[in-house]
Amino acid sequence: MNERMGKGISARTAGSSGAALTLDGFLPHRLSICAQSVAMALAKIHADRHQIGAPEWRVLVVLAEGGSMTAKAIGQRSQMHKTKVSRAVAVLERRDLVVRRSNSADLREAFLSLTPAGRSLYEELAPGALEFADRLIAAVEPADREALHRILERLTQISTEIASDIANGRSAR
């Protein structure tokens, strides 16, 4: 661990009363670095053997969990921007891993689902992903795992609230 990061998470420098910011102690930065590190490591599992990127993997998992869904629903479930979902779906369709079926009730959208090859790829990749997750959680003391879960849930909730406040013209504070 970076020695500066080991000193704790505080956006402000010691003794600072102003808006001084230290990147290594800035919680959003630390979370982003952690998420990127995890995503890159997980992507290696998928990319090396199956030439599949993280967005495509997320779409596969969401469809394996949820069955037939619209791209919009996939984006909401996976927290991916619609452009990223669209690109991932296009890649998966070209590889015959996902099939698109038009929605007769609303021709502007389509239902997406895994093909048998897509389901097979998901079933092949899932054990490695679960093993990866097991290895990650093993780095956290058993007594701290529930706290980690609660913290992640709370940070996600608060981030959503702050984004909503900003979108509605309220301060981030």
N, C-alpha and C. Protein backbone atom coordinates (compact mmCIF):
# COMPACT_ATOMS: atom_id res chain seq x y z
N MET A 1 0.85 -1.19 0.00
CA MET A 1 0.00 0.00 0.00
C MET A 1 0.89 1.23 0.00
N ASN A 2 0.49 2.23 -0.71
CA ASN A 2 1.19 3.50 -0.74
C ASN A 2 1.22 4.07 0.68
N GLU A 3 2.40 4.49 1.11
CA GLU A 3 2.55 4.97 2.49
C GLU A 3 1.63 6.15 2.78
N ARG A 4 1.47 7.05 1.80
CA ARG A 4 0.58 8.20 2.02
C ARG A 4 -0.86 7.75 2.18
N MET A 5 -1.25 6.70 1.45
CA MET A 5 -2.62 6.20 1.55
C MET A 5 -2.84 5.54 2.89
N GLY A 6 -1.81 4.96 3.46
CA GLY A 6 -1.93 4.27 4.72
C GLY A 6 -2.24 5.18 5.89
N LYS A 7 -2.11 6.47 5.71
CA LYS A 7 -2.35 7.42 6.79
C LYS A 7 -3.83 7.71 7.00
N GLY A 8 -4.67 7.15 6.20
CA GLY A 8 -6.10 7.34 6.39
C GLY A 8 -6.73 8.15 5.27
N ILE A 9 -8.01 8.26 5.35
CA ILE A 9 -8.76 8.96 4.32
C ILE A 9 -9.27 10.26 4.89
N SER A 10 -8.75 11.34 4.36
CA SER A 10 -9.21 12.67 4.72
C SER A 10 -8.91 13.55 3.54
N ALA A 11 -9.89 14.22 3.02
CA ALA A 11 -9.69 15.04 1.83
C ALA A 11 -8.80 16.25 2.11
N ARG A 12 -8.72 16.67 3.34
CA ARG A 12 -7.97 17.88 3.67
C ARG A 12 -6.63 17.54 4.28
N THR A 13 -5.66 18.39 4.03
CA THR A 13 -4.34 18.19 4.62
C THR A 13 -4.40 18.52 6.09
N ALA A 14 -3.52 17.91 6.86
CA ALA A 14 -3.50 18.13 8.31
C ALA A 14 -3.33 19.62 8.61
N GLY A 15 -4.12 20.12 9.51
CA GLY A 15 -4.04 21.51 9.93
C GLY A 15 -4.66 22.48 8.96
N SER A 16 -5.25 22.00 7.91
CA SER A 16 -5.84 22.88 6.91
C SER A 16 -7.28 23.21 7.26
N SER A 17 -7.60 24.47 7.17
CA SER A 17 -8.98 24.87 7.41
C SER A 17 -9.65 25.26 6.11
N GLY A 18 -8.83 25.38 5.04
CA GLY A 18 -9.37 25.78 3.74
C GLY A 18 -9.76 24.58 2.92
N ALA A 19 -9.75 24.78 1.61
CA ALA A 19 -10.20 23.75 0.69
C ALA A 19 -9.03 22.94 0.12
N ALA A 20 -7.94 22.83 0.86
CA ALA A 20 -6.81 22.04 0.37
C ALA A 20 -7.25 20.59 0.20
N LEU A 21 -6.83 19.99 -0.88
CA LEU A 21 -7.25 18.64 -1.22
C LEU A 21 -6.03 17.79 -1.48
N THR A 22 -6.00 16.61 -0.89
CA THR A 22 -4.94 15.66 -1.20
C THR A 22 -5.56 14.47 -1.90
N LEU A 23 -5.06 14.17 -3.08
CA LEU A 23 -5.65 13.12 -3.89
C LEU A 23 -5.57 11.75 -3.21
N ASP A 24 -4.42 11.45 -2.59
CA ASP A 24 -4.26 10.14 -1.97
C ASP A 24 -5.20 9.91 -0.80
N GLY A 25 -5.69 10.97 -0.19
CA GLY A 25 -6.62 10.82 0.92
C GLY A 25 -8.06 11.10 0.54
N PHE A 26 -8.31 11.37 -0.72
CA PHE A 26 -9.64 11.75 -1.21
C PHE A 26 -10.45 10.49 -1.47
N LEU A 27 -11.48 10.26 -0.66
CA LEU A 27 -12.26 9.03 -0.70
C LEU A 27 -12.77 8.68 -2.10
N PRO A 28 -13.36 9.61 -2.85
CA PRO A 28 -13.81 9.23 -4.21
C PRO A 28 -12.67 8.70 -5.08
N HIS A 29 -11.50 9.29 -4.95
CA HIS A 29 -10.35 8.82 -5.72
C HIS A 29 -9.94 7.42 -5.28
N ARG A 30 -9.89 7.21 -3.98
CA ARG A 30 -9.50 5.90 -3.45
C ARG A 30 -10.48 4.82 -3.90
N LEU A 31 -11.77 5.12 -3.85
CA LEU A 31 -12.77 4.16 -4.30
C LEU A 31 -12.63 3.88 -5.79
N SER A 32 -12.37 4.92 -6.57
CA SER A 32 -12.20 4.76 -8.00
C SER A 32 -10.98 3.90 -8.32
N ILE A 33 -9.88 4.14 -7.65
CA ILE A 33 -8.67 3.35 -7.86
C ILE A 33 -8.93 1.88 -7.50
N CYS A 34 -9.59 1.65 -6.39
CA CYS A 34 -9.92 0.29 -5.97
C CYS A 34 -10.81 -0.38 -7.02
N ALA A 35 -11.87 0.32 -7.44
CA ALA A 35 -12.79 -0.25 -8.43
C ALA A 35 -12.08 -0.54 -9.74
N GLN A 36 -11.21 0.37 -10.18
CA GLN A 36 -10.47 0.15 -11.42
C GLN A 36 -9.53 -1.04 -11.31
N SER A 37 -8.87 -1.17 -10.18
CA SER A 37 -7.95 -2.30 -9.97
C SER A 37 -8.70 -3.62 -10.01
N VAL A 38 -9.84 -3.66 -9.33
CA VAL A 38 -10.65 -4.87 -9.32
C VAL A 38 -11.16 -5.17 -10.73
N ALA A 39 -11.67 -4.16 -11.41
CA ALA A 39 -12.21 -4.36 -12.76
C ALA A 39 -11.13 -4.82 -13.73
N MET A 40 -9.93 -4.25 -13.64
CA MET A 40 -8.85 -4.66 -14.54
C MET A 40 -8.44 -6.10 -14.28
N ALA A 41 -8.34 -6.47 -13.02
CA ALA A 41 -7.97 -7.85 -12.70
C ALA A 41 -9.04 -8.83 -13.17
N LEU A 42 -10.29 -8.49 -12.93
CA LEU A 42 -11.39 -9.36 -13.36
C LEU A 42 -11.45 -9.43 -14.89
N ALA A 43 -11.21 -8.31 -15.54
CA ALA A 43 -11.25 -8.29 -17.01
C ALA A 43 -10.20 -9.21 -17.61
N LYS A 44 -9.06 -9.36 -16.94
CA LYS A 44 -8.02 -10.26 -17.44
C LYS A 44 -8.52 -11.70 -17.50
N ILE A 45 -9.35 -12.07 -16.55
CA ILE A 45 -9.91 -13.42 -16.55
C ILE A 45 -10.73 -13.63 -17.82
N HIS A 46 -11.52 -12.62 -18.18
CA HIS A 46 -12.41 -12.74 -19.33
C HIS A 46 -11.69 -12.48 -20.64
N ALA A 47 -10.83 -11.47 -20.66
CA ALA A 47 -10.19 -11.05 -21.90
C ALA A 47 -9.18 -12.06 -22.41
N ASP A 48 -8.36 -12.57 -21.53
CA ASP A 48 -7.29 -13.46 -21.96
C ASP A 48 -7.80 -14.70 -22.66
N ARG A 49 -8.83 -15.27 -22.11
CA ARG A 49 -9.30 -16.55 -22.65
C ARG A 49 -10.47 -16.41 -23.64
N HIS A 50 -11.31 -15.40 -23.43
CA HIS A 50 -12.54 -15.30 -24.23
C HIS A 50 -12.69 -14.00 -25.00
N GLN A 51 -11.70 -13.13 -24.94
CA GLN A 51 -11.76 -11.84 -25.64
C GLN A 51 -13.07 -11.10 -25.36
N ILE A 52 -13.38 -10.98 -24.09
CA ILE A 52 -14.60 -10.29 -23.68
C ILE A 52 -14.22 -9.22 -22.64
N GLY A 53 -14.71 -8.02 -22.86
CA GLY A 53 -14.41 -6.91 -21.97
C GLY A 53 -15.38 -6.84 -20.79
N ALA A 54 -15.06 -5.94 -19.86
CA ALA A 54 -15.90 -5.78 -18.67
C ALA A 54 -17.35 -5.39 -19.01
N PRO A 55 -17.58 -4.46 -19.94
CA PRO A 55 -18.99 -4.12 -20.24
C PRO A 55 -19.76 -5.32 -20.79
N GLU A 56 -19.12 -6.09 -21.67
CA GLU A 56 -19.79 -7.27 -22.23
C GLU A 56 -20.07 -8.30 -21.13
N TRP A 57 -19.10 -8.47 -20.23
CA TRP A 57 -19.29 -9.39 -19.11
C TRP A 57 -20.48 -8.96 -18.27
N ARG A 58 -20.58 -7.67 -17.97
CA ARG A 58 -21.68 -7.19 -17.14
C ARG A 58 -23.02 -7.43 -17.82
N VAL A 59 -23.09 -7.21 -19.12
CA VAL A 59 -24.34 -7.47 -19.85
C VAL A 59 -24.68 -8.95 -19.80
N LEU A 60 -23.69 -9.81 -20.00
CA LEU A 60 -23.92 -11.26 -19.91
C LEU A 60 -24.49 -11.65 -18.55
N VAL A 61 -23.87 -11.12 -17.49
CA VAL A 61 -24.31 -11.47 -16.13
C VAL A 61 -25.73 -10.97 -15.87
N VAL A 62 -26.01 -9.74 -16.27
CA VAL A 62 -27.36 -9.19 -16.05
C VAL A 62 -28.40 -10.02 -16.79
N LEU A 63 -28.10 -10.39 -18.03
CA LEU A 63 -29.06 -11.20 -18.79
C LEU A 63 -29.18 -12.61 -18.23
N ALA A 64 -28.09 -13.15 -17.72
CA ALA A 64 -28.16 -14.48 -17.10
C ALA A 64 -29.02 -14.44 -15.85
N GLU A 65 -28.92 -13.34 -15.10
CA GLU A 65 -29.73 -13.18 -13.89
C GLU A 65 -31.18 -12.89 -14.21
N GLY A 66 -31.40 -11.97 -15.15
CA GLY A 66 -32.73 -11.42 -15.36
C GLY A 66 -33.50 -11.97 -16.53
N GLY A 67 -32.86 -12.77 -17.36
CA GLY A 67 -33.56 -13.26 -18.55
C GLY A 67 -33.67 -12.17 -19.60
N SER A 68 -34.75 -12.12 -20.30
CA SER A 68 -34.98 -11.16 -21.37
C SER A 68 -35.21 -9.77 -20.78
N MET A 69 -34.43 -8.79 -21.27
CA MET A 69 -34.51 -7.42 -20.76
C MET A 69 -34.24 -6.42 -21.87
N THR A 70 -34.67 -5.20 -21.66
CA THR A 70 -34.33 -4.12 -22.59
C THR A 70 -32.94 -3.58 -22.25
N ALA A 71 -32.35 -2.89 -23.20
CA ALA A 71 -31.04 -2.27 -22.97
C ALA A 71 -31.14 -1.25 -21.83
N LYS A 72 -32.25 -0.55 -21.77
CA LYS A 72 -32.44 0.43 -20.70
C LYS A 72 -32.43 -0.26 -19.33
N ALA A 73 -33.13 -1.39 -19.23
CA ALA A 73 -33.16 -2.13 -17.96
C ALA A 73 -31.78 -2.68 -17.61
N ILE A 74 -31.04 -3.11 -18.62
CA ILE A 74 -29.67 -3.60 -18.38
C ILE A 74 -28.82 -2.45 -17.82
N GLY A 75 -28.93 -1.29 -18.42
CA GLY A 75 -28.18 -0.12 -17.95
C GLY A 75 -28.52 0.24 -16.52
N GLN A 76 -29.80 0.20 -16.19
CA GLN A 76 -30.21 0.53 -14.82
C GLN A 76 -29.68 -0.52 -13.84
N ARG A 77 -29.77 -1.77 -14.20
CA ARG A 77 -29.33 -2.85 -13.30
C ARG A 77 -27.82 -2.85 -13.11
N SER A 78 -27.08 -2.54 -14.18
CA SER A 78 -25.62 -2.62 -14.14
C SER A 78 -24.95 -1.28 -13.85
N GLN A 79 -25.74 -0.21 -13.78
CA GLN A 79 -25.20 1.13 -13.57
C GLN A 79 -24.25 1.53 -14.69
N MET A 80 -24.57 1.11 -15.92
CA MET A 80 -23.76 1.48 -17.08
C MET A 80 -24.53 2.48 -17.93
N HIS A 81 -23.80 3.43 -18.52
CA HIS A 81 -24.40 4.41 -19.41
C HIS A 81 -24.96 3.70 -20.64
N LYS A 82 -26.03 4.26 -21.21
CA LYS A 82 -26.70 3.61 -22.33
C LYS A 82 -25.78 3.40 -23.53
N THR A 83 -24.83 4.29 -23.74
CA THR A 83 -23.88 4.13 -24.85
C THR A 83 -23.00 2.91 -24.63
N LYS A 84 -22.54 2.73 -23.40
CA LYS A 84 -21.69 1.57 -23.09
C LYS A 84 -22.48 0.28 -23.23
N VAL A 85 -23.75 0.29 -22.79
CA VAL A 85 -24.60 -0.90 -22.94
C VAL A 85 -24.79 -1.21 -24.41
N SER A 86 -25.08 -0.18 -25.20
CA SER A 86 -25.31 -0.36 -26.62
C SER A 86 -24.10 -0.96 -27.32
N ARG A 87 -22.92 -0.46 -27.00
CA ARG A 87 -21.69 -0.99 -27.60
C ARG A 87 -21.45 -2.43 -27.17
N ALA A 88 -21.66 -2.72 -25.90
CA ALA A 88 -21.46 -4.08 -25.40
C ALA A 88 -22.43 -5.04 -26.07
N VAL A 89 -23.68 -4.63 -26.18
CA VAL A 89 -24.69 -5.48 -26.83
C VAL A 89 -24.31 -5.73 -28.28
N ALA A 90 -23.82 -4.71 -28.98
CA ALA A 90 -23.42 -4.88 -30.38
C ALA A 90 -22.31 -5.92 -30.50
N VAL A 91 -21.33 -5.86 -29.62
CA VAL A 91 -20.25 -6.85 -29.62
C VAL A 91 -20.80 -8.24 -29.37
N LEU A 92 -21.67 -8.36 -28.38
CA LEU A 92 -22.24 -9.67 -28.03
C LEU A 92 -23.12 -10.21 -29.15
N GLU A 93 -23.84 -9.32 -29.82
CA GLU A 93 -24.68 -9.76 -30.95
C GLU A 93 -23.80 -10.27 -32.10
N ARG A 94 -22.72 -9.54 -32.41
CA ARG A 94 -21.82 -9.96 -33.49
C ARG A 94 -21.23 -11.34 -33.21
N ARG A 95 -21.05 -11.65 -31.93
CA ARG A 95 -20.47 -12.95 -31.55
C ARG A 95 -21.56 -14.00 -31.31
N ASP A 96 -22.81 -13.66 -31.61
CA ASP A 96 -23.96 -14.57 -31.44
C ASP A 96 -24.11 -15.04 -30.00
N LEU A 97 -23.84 -14.14 -29.06
CA LEU A 97 -24.00 -14.45 -27.64
C LEU A 97 -25.29 -13.86 -27.09
N VAL A 98 -25.81 -12.85 -27.79
CA VAL A 98 -27.05 -12.18 -27.39
C VAL A 98 -27.92 -12.06 -28.64
N VAL A 99 -29.22 -12.20 -28.44
CA VAL A 99 -30.18 -12.03 -29.53
C VAL A 99 -31.15 -10.91 -29.16
N ARG A 100 -31.56 -10.16 -30.17
CA ARG A 100 -32.48 -9.04 -30.00
C ARG A 100 -33.84 -9.44 -30.58
N ARG A 101 -34.90 -9.18 -29.80
CA ARG A 101 -36.26 -9.47 -30.23
C ARG A 101 -37.06 -8.18 -30.08
N SER A 102 -37.75 -7.75 -31.13
CA SER A 102 -38.49 -6.49 -31.06
C SER A 102 -39.65 -6.58 -30.08
N ASN A 103 -39.97 -5.44 -29.52
CA ASN A 103 -41.08 -5.32 -28.58
C ASN A 103 -42.29 -4.84 -29.37
N SER A 104 -43.26 -5.68 -29.55
CA SER A 104 -44.43 -5.30 -30.36
C SER A 104 -45.24 -4.19 -29.69
N ALA A 105 -45.13 -4.04 -28.39
CA ALA A 105 -45.85 -2.98 -27.68
C ALA A 105 -45.16 -1.62 -27.82
N ASP A 106 -43.84 -1.63 -28.07
CA ASP A 106 -43.08 -0.39 -28.22
C ASP A 106 -41.93 -0.67 -29.17
N LEU A 107 -42.11 -0.31 -30.43
CA LEU A 107 -41.13 -0.63 -31.46
C LEU A 107 -39.81 0.12 -31.29
N ARG A 108 -39.76 1.09 -30.38
CA ARG A 108 -38.51 1.83 -30.13
C ARG A 108 -37.53 1.01 -29.30
N GLU A 109 -38.01 -0.02 -28.66
CA GLU A 109 -37.11 -0.82 -27.83
C GLU A 109 -37.20 -2.29 -28.21
N ALA A 110 -36.20 -3.03 -27.78
CA ALA A 110 -36.14 -4.47 -28.07
C ALA A 110 -35.79 -5.21 -26.80
N PHE A 111 -36.15 -6.45 -26.76
CA PHE A 111 -35.78 -7.32 -25.65
C PHE A 111 -34.52 -8.08 -26.05
N LEU A 112 -33.59 -8.13 -25.13
CA LEU A 112 -32.33 -8.83 -25.35
C LEU A 112 -32.29 -10.06 -24.46
N SER A 113 -31.71 -11.12 -24.97
CA SER A 113 -31.56 -12.33 -24.16
C SER A 113 -30.32 -13.08 -24.64
N LEU A 114 -29.84 -13.95 -23.78
CA LEU A 114 -28.68 -14.76 -24.13
C LEU A 114 -29.07 -15.84 -25.12
N THR A 115 -28.19 -16.09 -26.05
CA THR A 115 -28.35 -17.25 -26.92
C THR A 115 -27.81 -18.46 -26.15
N PRO A 116 -28.01 -19.67 -26.65
CA PRO A 116 -27.40 -20.82 -25.98
C PRO A 116 -25.87 -20.66 -25.84
N ALA A 117 -25.23 -20.09 -26.86
CA ALA A 117 -23.78 -19.86 -26.77
C ALA A 117 -23.46 -18.83 -25.69
N GLY A 118 -24.31 -17.80 -25.56
CA GLY A 118 -24.12 -16.80 -24.51
C GLY A 118 -24.29 -17.39 -23.13
N ARG A 119 -25.29 -18.24 -22.97
CA ARG A 119 -25.51 -18.92 -21.69
C ARG A 119 -24.33 -19.83 -21.36
N SER A 120 -23.84 -20.52 -22.36
CA SER A 120 -22.71 -21.41 -22.17
C SER A 120 -21.45 -20.64 -21.76
N LEU A 121 -21.22 -19.49 -22.40
CA LEU A 121 -20.06 -18.66 -22.04
C LEU A 121 -20.20 -18.15 -20.61
N TYR A 122 -21.40 -17.69 -20.25
CA TYR A 122 -21.64 -17.23 -18.88
C TYR A 122 -21.33 -18.36 -17.89
N GLU A 123 -21.84 -19.54 -18.16
CA GLU A 123 -21.63 -20.67 -17.24
C GLU A 123 -20.17 -21.08 -17.17
N GLU A 124 -19.43 -20.85 -18.24
CA GLU A 124 -18.00 -21.14 -18.22
C GLU A 124 -17.22 -20.08 -17.44
N LEU A 125 -17.63 -18.82 -17.55
CA LEU A 125 -16.92 -17.72 -16.89
C LEU A 125 -17.31 -17.52 -15.42
N ALA A 126 -18.52 -17.85 -15.06
CA ALA A 126 -19.01 -17.58 -13.70
C ALA A 126 -18.15 -18.21 -12.61
N PRO A 127 -17.73 -19.47 -12.73
CA PRO A 127 -16.91 -20.04 -11.64
C PRO A 127 -15.61 -19.27 -11.41
N GLY A 128 -14.95 -18.83 -12.48
CA GLY A 128 -13.73 -18.05 -12.33
C GLY A 128 -13.99 -16.71 -11.67
N ALA A 129 -15.11 -16.10 -12.03
CA ALA A 129 -15.47 -14.81 -11.42
C ALA A 129 -15.78 -14.99 -9.93
N LEU A 130 -16.46 -16.07 -9.60
CA LEU A 130 -16.76 -16.35 -8.19
C LEU A 130 -15.48 -16.65 -7.40
N GLU A 131 -14.57 -17.37 -8.01
CA GLU A 131 -13.29 -17.66 -7.37
C GLU A 131 -12.52 -16.36 -7.12
N PHE A 132 -12.55 -15.46 -8.11
CA PHE A 132 -11.91 -14.15 -7.98
C PHE A 132 -12.52 -13.39 -6.80
N ALA A 133 -13.86 -13.37 -6.74
CA ALA A 133 -14.56 -12.67 -5.64
C ALA A 133 -14.22 -13.29 -4.29
N ASP A 134 -14.13 -14.60 -4.25
CA ASP A 134 -13.75 -15.28 -3.00
C ASP A 134 -12.36 -14.87 -2.56
N ARG A 135 -11.45 -14.77 -3.52
CA ARG A 135 -10.09 -14.37 -3.19
C ARG A 135 -10.05 -12.93 -2.68
N LEU A 136 -10.85 -12.07 -3.29
CA LEU A 136 -10.92 -10.68 -2.82
C LEU A 136 -11.45 -10.60 -1.40
N ILE A 137 -12.57 -11.25 -1.15
CA ILE A 137 -13.19 -11.14 0.18
C ILE A 137 -12.33 -11.81 1.24
N ALA A 138 -11.52 -12.76 0.85
CA ALA A 138 -10.62 -13.41 1.81
C ALA A 138 -9.58 -12.42 2.36
N ALA A 139 -9.34 -11.33 1.63
CA ALA A 139 -8.40 -10.31 2.10
C ALA A 139 -9.00 -9.46 3.22
N VAL A 140 -10.31 -9.57 3.42
CA VAL A 140 -11.00 -8.81 4.46
C VAL A 140 -11.27 -9.76 5.64
N GLU A 141 -10.91 -9.31 6.81
CA GLU A 141 -11.13 -10.13 8.01
C GLU A 141 -12.61 -10.51 8.09
N PRO A 142 -12.91 -11.75 8.45
CA PRO A 142 -14.32 -12.17 8.54
C PRO A 142 -15.17 -11.23 9.40
N ALA A 143 -14.62 -10.73 10.47
CA ALA A 143 -15.38 -9.83 11.35
C ALA A 143 -15.69 -8.49 10.69
N ASP A 144 -14.94 -8.14 9.64
CA ASP A 144 -15.13 -6.84 8.97
C ASP A 144 -16.01 -6.92 7.73
N ARG A 145 -16.37 -8.11 7.30
CA ARG A 145 -17.08 -8.27 6.03
C ARG A 145 -18.47 -7.64 6.04
N GLU A 146 -19.21 -7.81 7.12
CA GLU A 146 -20.54 -7.20 7.19
C GLU A 146 -20.42 -5.69 7.22
N ALA A 147 -19.44 -5.18 7.93
CA ALA A 147 -19.22 -3.73 7.97
C ALA A 147 -18.87 -3.21 6.57
N LEU A 148 -18.03 -3.94 5.85
CA LEU A 148 -17.69 -3.54 4.48
C LEU A 148 -18.94 -3.47 3.62
N HIS A 149 -19.78 -4.47 3.72
CA HIS A 149 -21.03 -4.48 2.95
C HIS A 149 -21.89 -3.26 3.29
N ARG A 150 -22.06 -2.99 4.58
CA ARG A 150 -22.86 -1.84 5.01
C ARG A 150 -22.26 -0.53 4.51
N ILE A 151 -20.96 -0.40 4.60
CA ILE A 151 -20.28 0.82 4.16
C ILE A 151 -20.48 1.04 2.67
N LEU A 152 -20.29 -0.02 1.88
CA LEU A 152 -20.47 0.12 0.43
C LEU A 152 -21.91 0.48 0.09
N GLU A 153 -22.86 -0.15 0.75
CA GLU A 153 -24.28 0.17 0.52
C GLU A 153 -24.56 1.64 0.85
N ARG A 154 -24.05 2.09 1.98
CA ARG A 154 -24.30 3.47 2.43
C ARG A 154 -23.63 4.48 1.50
N LEU A 155 -22.39 4.22 1.09
CA LEU A 155 -21.70 5.14 0.18
C LEU A 155 -22.41 5.20 -1.17
N THR A 156 -22.91 4.08 -1.63
CA THR A 156 -23.67 4.06 -2.88
C THR A 156 -24.95 4.88 -2.74
N GLN A 157 -25.66 4.70 -1.64
CA GLN A 157 -26.89 5.44 -1.39
C GLN A 157 -26.63 6.94 -1.31
N ILE A 158 -25.64 7.33 -0.54
CA ILE A 158 -25.34 8.75 -0.37
C ILE A 158 -24.87 9.37 -1.68
N SER A 159 -24.06 8.65 -2.46
CA SER A 159 -23.61 9.16 -3.75
C SER A 159 -24.80 9.43 -4.67
N THR A 160 -25.76 8.53 -4.66
CA THR A 160 -26.97 8.71 -5.48
C THR A 160 -27.75 9.93 -5.01
N GLU A 161 -27.86 10.11 -3.71
CA GLU A 161 -28.57 11.28 -3.17
C GLU A 161 -27.86 12.58 -3.53
N ILE A 162 -26.54 12.59 -3.41
CA ILE A 162 -25.78 13.80 -3.74
C ILE A 162 -25.94 14.13 -5.22
N ALA A 163 -25.85 13.13 -6.09
CA ALA A 163 -26.02 13.36 -7.53
C ALA A 163 -27.40 13.92 -7.82
N SER A 164 -28.41 13.38 -7.14
CA SER A 164 -29.78 13.88 -7.32
C SER A 164 -29.89 15.33 -6.85
N ASP A 165 -29.29 15.63 -5.70
CA ASP A 165 -29.30 17.00 -5.19
C ASP A 165 -28.68 17.96 -6.20
N ILE A 166 -27.55 17.59 -6.75
CA ILE A 166 -26.86 18.45 -7.71
C ILE A 166 -27.70 18.61 -8.96
N ALA A 167 -28.29 17.52 -9.45
CA ALA A 167 -29.14 17.59 -10.64
C ALA A 167 -30.35 18.48 -10.42
N ASN A 168 -30.81 18.57 -9.18
CA ASN A 168 -31.97 19.40 -8.85
C ASN A 168 -31.58 20.78 -8.36
N GLY A 169 -30.31 21.16 -8.59
CA GLY A 169 -29.88 22.51 -8.27
C GLY A 169 -29.55 22.76 -6.82
N ARG A 170 -29.42 21.69 -6.04
CA ARG A 170 -29.04 21.85 -4.63
C ARG A 170 -27.54 21.60 -4.49
N SER A 171 -26.98 22.11 -3.45
CA SER A 171 -25.55 21.97 -3.19
C SER A 171 -25.19 20.50 -2.90
N ALA A 172 -23.93 20.16 -3.15
CA ALA A 172 -23.42 18.83 -2.86
C ALA A 172 -23.24 18.64 -1.36
N ARG A 173 -23.30 19.70 -0.60
CA ARG A 173 -23.06 19.61 0.84
C ARG A 173 -24.22 19.00 1.58
